[in-house]
Structures are given as C-alpha cells and as structure tokens.
Protein backbone atom coordinates (compact mmCIF):
# COMPACT_ATOMS: atom_id res chain seq x y z
CA MET A 1 -3.40 6.44 -23.50
CA SER A 2 -4.36 3.23 -25.32
CA VAL A 3 -2.74 -0.12 -24.11
CA THR A 4 -2.63 -1.72 -27.69
CA SER A 5 1.00 -1.79 -27.77
CA ALA A 6 1.08 -4.45 -24.96
CA PHE A 7 -1.01 -7.17 -26.28
CA ASP A 8 1.23 -8.59 -28.96
CA PRO A 9 3.78 -9.52 -26.43
CA TYR A 10 1.13 -10.69 -23.78
CA THR A 11 -0.21 -13.15 -26.62
CA ALA A 12 3.51 -14.18 -27.10
CA SER A 13 3.64 -14.84 -23.60
CA ASP A 14 0.98 -17.75 -24.21
CA HIS A 15 3.39 -19.44 -26.36
CA LEU A 16 6.27 -18.83 -24.48
CA PRO A 17 6.22 -22.41 -22.29
CA ARG A 18 5.92 -24.49 -25.84
CA SER A 19 8.71 -22.20 -27.31
CA LEU A 20 11.18 -22.77 -24.41
CA PHE A 21 10.54 -26.66 -24.89
CA ASP A 22 10.50 -26.79 -28.59
CA LYS A 23 14.21 -28.17 -30.04
CA GLU A 24 14.75 -25.16 -32.55
CA THR A 25 13.45 -22.04 -30.78
CA GLY A 26 14.24 -23.35 -27.08
CA PRO A 27 18.03 -22.88 -27.45
CA SER A 28 17.96 -20.33 -30.31
CA TYR A 29 19.11 -16.57 -29.61
CA ASP A 30 17.74 -15.55 -33.07
CA VAL A 31 15.15 -12.82 -32.91
CA LYS A 32 13.22 -14.57 -35.67
CA HIS A 33 12.81 -17.94 -33.71
CA THR A 34 10.84 -16.79 -30.46
CA ALA A 35 7.56 -17.31 -29.08
CA PHE A 36 6.74 -14.01 -30.85
CA GLN A 37 6.59 -15.45 -34.17
CA ALA A 38 4.18 -18.55 -33.19
CA ALA A 39 1.77 -16.00 -31.73
CA VAL A 40 1.22 -13.44 -34.04
CA GLY A 41 1.68 -15.76 -37.47
CA THR A 42 4.98 -14.11 -38.82
CA LYS A 43 8.63 -15.13 -39.69
CA LYS A 44 10.02 -11.56 -39.05
CA PRO A 45 11.52 -9.84 -35.47
CA ARG A 46 8.86 -8.12 -33.65
CA TRP A 47 10.03 -4.61 -34.83
CA ASP A 48 9.90 -5.67 -38.54
CA TRP A 49 6.29 -6.84 -37.85
CA LEU A 50 5.37 -3.61 -36.15
CA GLU A 51 6.69 -1.71 -39.32
CA GLU A 52 4.56 -3.82 -41.86
CA LYS A 53 1.38 -2.50 -43.53
CA ILE A 54 -1.70 -4.05 -43.07
CA THR A 55 -5.25 -4.02 -45.06
CA VAL A 56 -7.83 -2.33 -43.23
CA LYS A 57 -9.90 -5.73 -43.78
CA ASN A 58 -7.39 -7.78 -42.19
CA LEU A 59 -7.29 -5.39 -39.22
CA ARG A 60 -10.76 -5.36 -38.57
CA ASP A 61 -10.84 -9.09 -39.14
CA GLY A 62 -8.36 -9.66 -36.56
CA GLN A 63 -5.86 -11.26 -39.38
CA CYS A 64 -2.92 -9.78 -37.68
CA GLY A 65 -0.32 -12.43 -39.24
CA THR A 66 2.12 -11.26 -41.77
CA ASP A 67 0.38 -10.49 -45.11
CA GLY A 68 -2.92 -11.24 -43.38
CA GLY A 69 -2.13 -14.80 -42.15
CA PRO A 70 -3.84 -16.39 -39.15
CA SER A 71 -2.73 -15.10 -35.89
CA GLY A 72 -3.38 -15.96 -32.29
CA TYR A 73 -2.99 -12.11 -31.84
CA PRO A 74 -6.53 -10.52 -32.05
CA GLY A 75 -5.03 -7.34 -33.03
CA PRO A 76 -6.25 -3.78 -32.03
CA PHE A 77 -9.89 -3.31 -30.81
CA GLY A 78 -12.16 -0.65 -29.60
CA SER A 79 -11.34 3.28 -30.06
CA ASP A 80 -7.91 2.17 -31.36
CA LEU A 81 -9.45 0.09 -34.25
CA VAL A 82 -12.03 2.67 -34.78
CA LYS A 83 -9.20 5.28 -35.24
CA ALA A 84 -7.26 3.30 -37.45
CA VAL A 85 -9.88 2.29 -40.04
CA ASP A 86 -12.18 5.35 -40.12
CA GLY A 87 -13.06 6.13 -43.45
CA LYS A 88 -10.71 3.76 -45.08
CA SER A 89 -11.52 1.40 -47.86
CA ASP A 90 -11.01 -2.62 -46.98
CA ASP A 91 -8.44 -3.06 -49.45
CA GLU A 92 -6.08 0.01 -48.12
CA LEU A 93 -2.99 -0.62 -46.90
CA ILE A 94 -2.31 1.31 -43.49
CA ALA A 95 0.47 1.15 -40.74
CA ARG A 96 -0.10 -1.20 -37.87
CA PRO A 97 -1.69 1.11 -35.11
CA GLU A 98 0.62 -0.81 -32.68
CA HIS A 99 3.66 0.91 -33.88
CA ALA A 100 2.85 4.33 -33.09
CA THR A 101 1.03 3.38 -29.78
CA PHE A 102 4.38 1.71 -28.96
CA GLY A 103 6.28 4.84 -29.40
CA MET A 104 3.91 6.81 -27.27
CA ALA A 105 4.15 4.31 -24.69
CA MET A 106 8.17 4.34 -24.19
CA LEU A 107 8.17 8.15 -24.03
CA GLY A 108 5.53 8.47 -21.37
CA GLY A 109 6.39 5.25 -19.54
CA GLY A 110 8.73 6.79 -16.99
CA ARG A 111 6.12 9.08 -15.88
CA VAL A 112 3.79 6.44 -14.69
CA THR A 113 5.81 5.51 -11.70
CA GLY A 114 7.87 8.33 -11.41
CA ARG A 115 10.01 10.99 -13.14
CA ALA A 116 11.99 9.59 -16.00
CA HIS A 117 15.51 10.72 -15.83
CA LEU A 118 14.84 12.84 -18.91
CA TYR A 119 12.60 15.25 -16.55
CA GLY A 120 14.73 14.82 -13.38
C-alpha cells in the first residue's frame, strides 16, 4: 500500500512552528488558516484541496498548489505518480492520487497495529 496520503500533513508539520507564532494563524480555529495552507499552496481546507482536480503536467512537475500554484509539498512520486499519469495527456485534469489513497489508509489503518473494532 502506498504512503502518499501521509506526505501532505508531513509537509504541513514543517510549517507548523511559523504558523503557531503567526499573528493570524496562531490563535485561529479556522480550518482555512493553518500550517497546511502555507505548506501546500492553497487557501482551501485540506479536504477541499484533496478533492481538487489537478493537471497531469502540474502533478508531474510537483506544482501541487491550487490551480498548479507553487507548493512546498512535492506531491506523489514513484509508482503512485506513474499510475496516476500513465497514458494521460499533460493538460488532462485528474483527481489527486492522495484522495483515494487516504480513503484506503483509513479503511486499513486499524489492521496495522491490531484488529479494528469493525473486525472485533
């Protein structure tokens, strides 16, 4: 199973100290004003960003911000990237690969360290 779904929060953790000391994001409880937005180059909450479509070219180039904007997050790589872009043209809009991987990770997460309640 892929670990791609874990990298955007990991990138956000790099931005956490600066965000916590920022006059706006530090005291904010708004999901649109967090370290995540600074890390991935968006103004959207993580869930809305995950549901965006991205061009194959932007995905290949690591331009993972909203609308292909710059981003500290490098995006998927290796077999995840190959599967996402294989046979597609550069200008084709596709779903972010992280979205599907996140769902699979949530389904199987409980079985990694023990039996999930679902299987108990």
